[in-house]
């Protein structure tokens, strides 16, 4: 019986290594396909929108940033809707 196992061991071991290699390749292909699908969905989304708001308040730029820009930026980012890119005078 031990001669039989010793004779077949390299073949069985080789098939085990081949199966493990095939499994790793399959997992890699599946991950690659998932990433491509994610990328395709991300690219299929419509681009963002540019929104311009003119605030008719007599406060200066520093006060306007504290009063309007910072709270708006915080709320937009918290909801994942965008960000404030800057203010002007």
C-alpha atoms as a PDB file:
ATOM      1  CA  UNK A   1       0.000   0.000   0.000  1.00  0.00           C
ATOM      2  CA  UNK A   2       2.814   2.433   0.830  1.00  0.00           C
ATOM      3  CA  UNK A   3       4.427   1.831  -2.571  1.00  0.00           C
ATOM      4  CA  UNK A   4       1.166   2.795  -4.206  1.00  0.00           C
ATOM      5  CA  UNK A   5       0.977   6.081  -2.239  1.00  0.00           C
ATOM      6  CA  UNK A   6       4.626   6.875  -2.942  1.00  0.00           C
ATOM      7  CA  UNK A   7       4.114   6.304  -6.649  1.00  0.00           C
ATOM      8  CA  UNK A   8       0.980   8.442  -6.909  1.00  0.00           C
ATOM      9  CA  UNK A   9       1.954  11.168  -4.454  1.00  0.00           C
ATOM     10  CA  UNK A  10       3.751  13.400  -7.005  1.00  0.00           C
ATOM     11  CA  UNK A  11       0.790  13.203  -9.363  1.00  0.00           C
ATOM     12  CA  UNK A  12      -1.759  13.913  -6.630  1.00  0.00           C
ATOM     13  CA  UNK A  13       0.410  16.741  -5.287  1.00  0.00           C
ATOM     14  CA  UNK A  14       0.758  18.162  -8.804  1.00  0.00           C
ATOM     15  CA  UNK A  15      -3.003  18.153  -9.295  1.00  0.00           C
ATOM     16  CA  UNK A  16      -3.409  19.883  -5.933  1.00  0.00           C
ATOM     17  CA  UNK A  17      -0.968  22.603  -6.936  1.00  0.00           C
ATOM     18  CA  UNK A  18      -2.696  22.935 -10.311  1.00  0.00           C
ATOM     19  CA  UNK A  19      -6.095  23.229  -8.625  1.00  0.00           C
ATOM     20  CA  UNK A  20      -4.781  25.890  -6.218  1.00  0.00           C
ATOM     21  CA  UNK A  21      -3.224  27.830  -9.100  1.00  0.00           C
ATOM     22  CA  UNK A  22      -6.482  27.608 -11.057  1.00  0.00           C
ATOM     23  CA  UNK A  23      -8.401  28.865  -8.018  1.00  0.00           C
ATOM     24  CA  UNK A  24      -6.088  31.871  -7.616  1.00  0.00           C
ATOM     25  CA  UNK A  25      -6.379  32.713 -11.312  1.00  0.00           C
ATOM     26  CA  UNK A  26     -10.178  32.426 -11.145  1.00  0.00           C
ATOM     27  CA  UNK A  27     -10.347  34.735  -8.117  1.00  0.00           C
ATOM     28  CA  UNK A  28      -8.130  37.250  -9.925  1.00  0.00           C
ATOM     29  CA  UNK A  29     -10.334  37.198 -13.007  1.00  0.00           C
ATOM     30  CA  UNK A  30     -13.488  37.644 -10.927  1.00  0.00           C
ATOM     31  CA  UNK A  31     -11.961  40.630  -9.108  1.00  0.00           C
ATOM     32  CA  UNK A  32     -10.843  42.149 -12.413  1.00  0.00           C
ATOM     33  CA  UNK A  33     -14.351  41.810 -13.859  1.00  0.00           C
ATOM     34  CA  UNK A  34     -15.877  43.390 -10.739  1.00  0.00           C
ATOM     35  CA  UNK A  35     -13.488  46.343 -10.918  1.00  0.00           C
ATOM     36  CA  UNK A  36     -14.259  46.880 -14.607  1.00  0.00           C
ATOM     37  CA  UNK A  37     -17.999  46.798 -13.912  1.00  0.00           C
ATOM     38  CA  UNK A  38     -17.597  49.279 -11.044  1.00  0.00           C
ATOM     39  CA  UNK A  39     -15.545  51.568 -13.267  1.00  0.00           C
ATOM     40  CA  UNK A  40     -18.137  51.309 -16.063  1.00  0.00           C
ATOM     41  CA  UNK A  41     -20.976  52.172 -13.645  1.00  0.00           C
ATOM     42  CA  UNK A  42     -18.983  55.108 -12.283  1.00  0.00           C
ATOM     43  CA  UNK A  43     -18.274  56.412 -15.790  1.00  0.00           C
ATOM     44  CA  UNK A  44     -21.905  55.929 -16.835  1.00  0.00           C
ATOM     45  CA  UNK A  45     -23.128  58.306 -14.135  1.00  0.00           C
ATOM     46  CA  UNK A  46     -23.963  61.768 -15.354  1.00  0.00           C
ATOM     47  CA  UNK A  47     -21.352  64.394 -14.549  1.00  0.00           C
ATOM     48  CA  UNK A  48     -21.873  66.715 -11.615  1.00  0.00           C
ATOM     49  CA  UNK A  49     -23.571  70.054 -11.804  1.00  0.00           C
ATOM     50  CA  UNK A  50     -22.130  73.493 -11.290  1.00  0.00           C
ATOM     51  CA  UNK A  51     -24.242  75.654  -9.011  1.00  0.00           C
ATOM     52  CA  UNK A  52     -23.671  79.367  -8.604  1.00  0.00           C
ATOM     53  CA  UNK A  53     -25.218  81.254  -5.705  1.00  0.00           C
ATOM     54  CA  UNK A  54     -25.117  85.017  -5.415  1.00  0.00           C
ATOM     55  CA  UNK A  55     -25.619  86.091  -1.822  1.00  0.00           C
ATOM     56  CA  UNK A  56     -26.925  89.620  -1.508  1.00  0.00           C
ATOM     57  CA  UNK A  57     -25.614  90.394   1.970  1.00  0.00           C
ATOM     58  CA  UNK A  58     -23.493  93.356   2.980  1.00  0.00           C
ATOM     59  CA  UNK A  59     -21.051  91.320   5.100  1.00  0.00           C
ATOM     60  CA  UNK A  60     -17.374  91.169   4.158  1.00  0.00           C
ATOM     61  CA  UNK A  61     -15.603  88.145   2.645  1.00  0.00           C
ATOM     62  CA  UNK A  62     -14.365  86.742   5.961  1.00  0.00           C
ATOM     63  CA  UNK A  63     -17.756  86.998   7.651  1.00  0.00           C
ATOM     64  CA  UNK A  64     -19.483  85.619   4.548  1.00  0.00           C
ATOM     65  CA  UNK A  65     -17.227  82.554   4.643  1.00  0.00           C
ATOM     66  CA  UNK A  66     -18.071  81.882   8.273  1.00  0.00           C
ATOM     67  CA  UNK A  67     -21.779  82.618   7.798  1.00  0.00           C
ATOM     68  CA  UNK A  68     -22.460  80.880   4.467  1.00  0.00           C
ATOM     69  CA  UNK A  69     -19.515  79.051   2.897  1.00  0.00           C
ATOM     70  CA  UNK A  70     -18.349  76.864   5.788  1.00  0.00           C
ATOM     71  CA  UNK A  71     -21.810  75.605   6.888  1.00  0.00           C
ATOM     72  CA  UNK A  72     -22.837  74.950   3.280  1.00  0.00           C
ATOM     73  CA  UNK A  73     -19.605  73.070   2.565  1.00  0.00           C
ATOM     74  CA  UNK A  74     -19.950  71.003   5.745  1.00  0.00           C
ATOM     75  CA  UNK A  75     -23.557  70.039   4.941  1.00  0.00           C
ATOM     76  CA  UNK A  76     -22.876  69.227   1.277  1.00  0.00           C
ATOM     77  CA  UNK A  77     -19.928  66.978   2.116  1.00  0.00           C
ATOM     78  CA  UNK A  78     -21.814  65.284   4.980  1.00  0.00           C
ATOM     79  CA  UNK A  79     -24.551  64.252   2.543  1.00  0.00           C
ATOM     80  CA  UNK A  80     -22.087  63.362  -0.225  1.00  0.00           C
ATOM     81  CA  UNK A  81     -23.537  65.932  -2.603  1.00  0.00           C
ATOM     82  CA  UNK A  82     -20.466  68.011  -3.334  1.00  0.00           C
ATOM     83  CA  UNK A  83     -18.349  70.804  -1.950  1.00  0.00           C
ATOM     84  CA  UNK A  84     -17.896  74.530  -1.983  1.00  0.00           C
ATOM     85  CA  UNK A  85     -14.945  75.430  -4.190  1.00  0.00           C
ATOM     86  CA  UNK A  86     -14.536  79.016  -3.162  1.00  0.00           C
ATOM     87  CA  UNK A  87     -16.069  82.383  -2.633  1.00  0.00           C
ATOM     88  CA  UNK A  88     -15.563  85.777  -4.079  1.00  0.00           C
ATOM     89  CA  UNK A  89     -16.223  89.390  -3.452  1.00  0.00           C
END
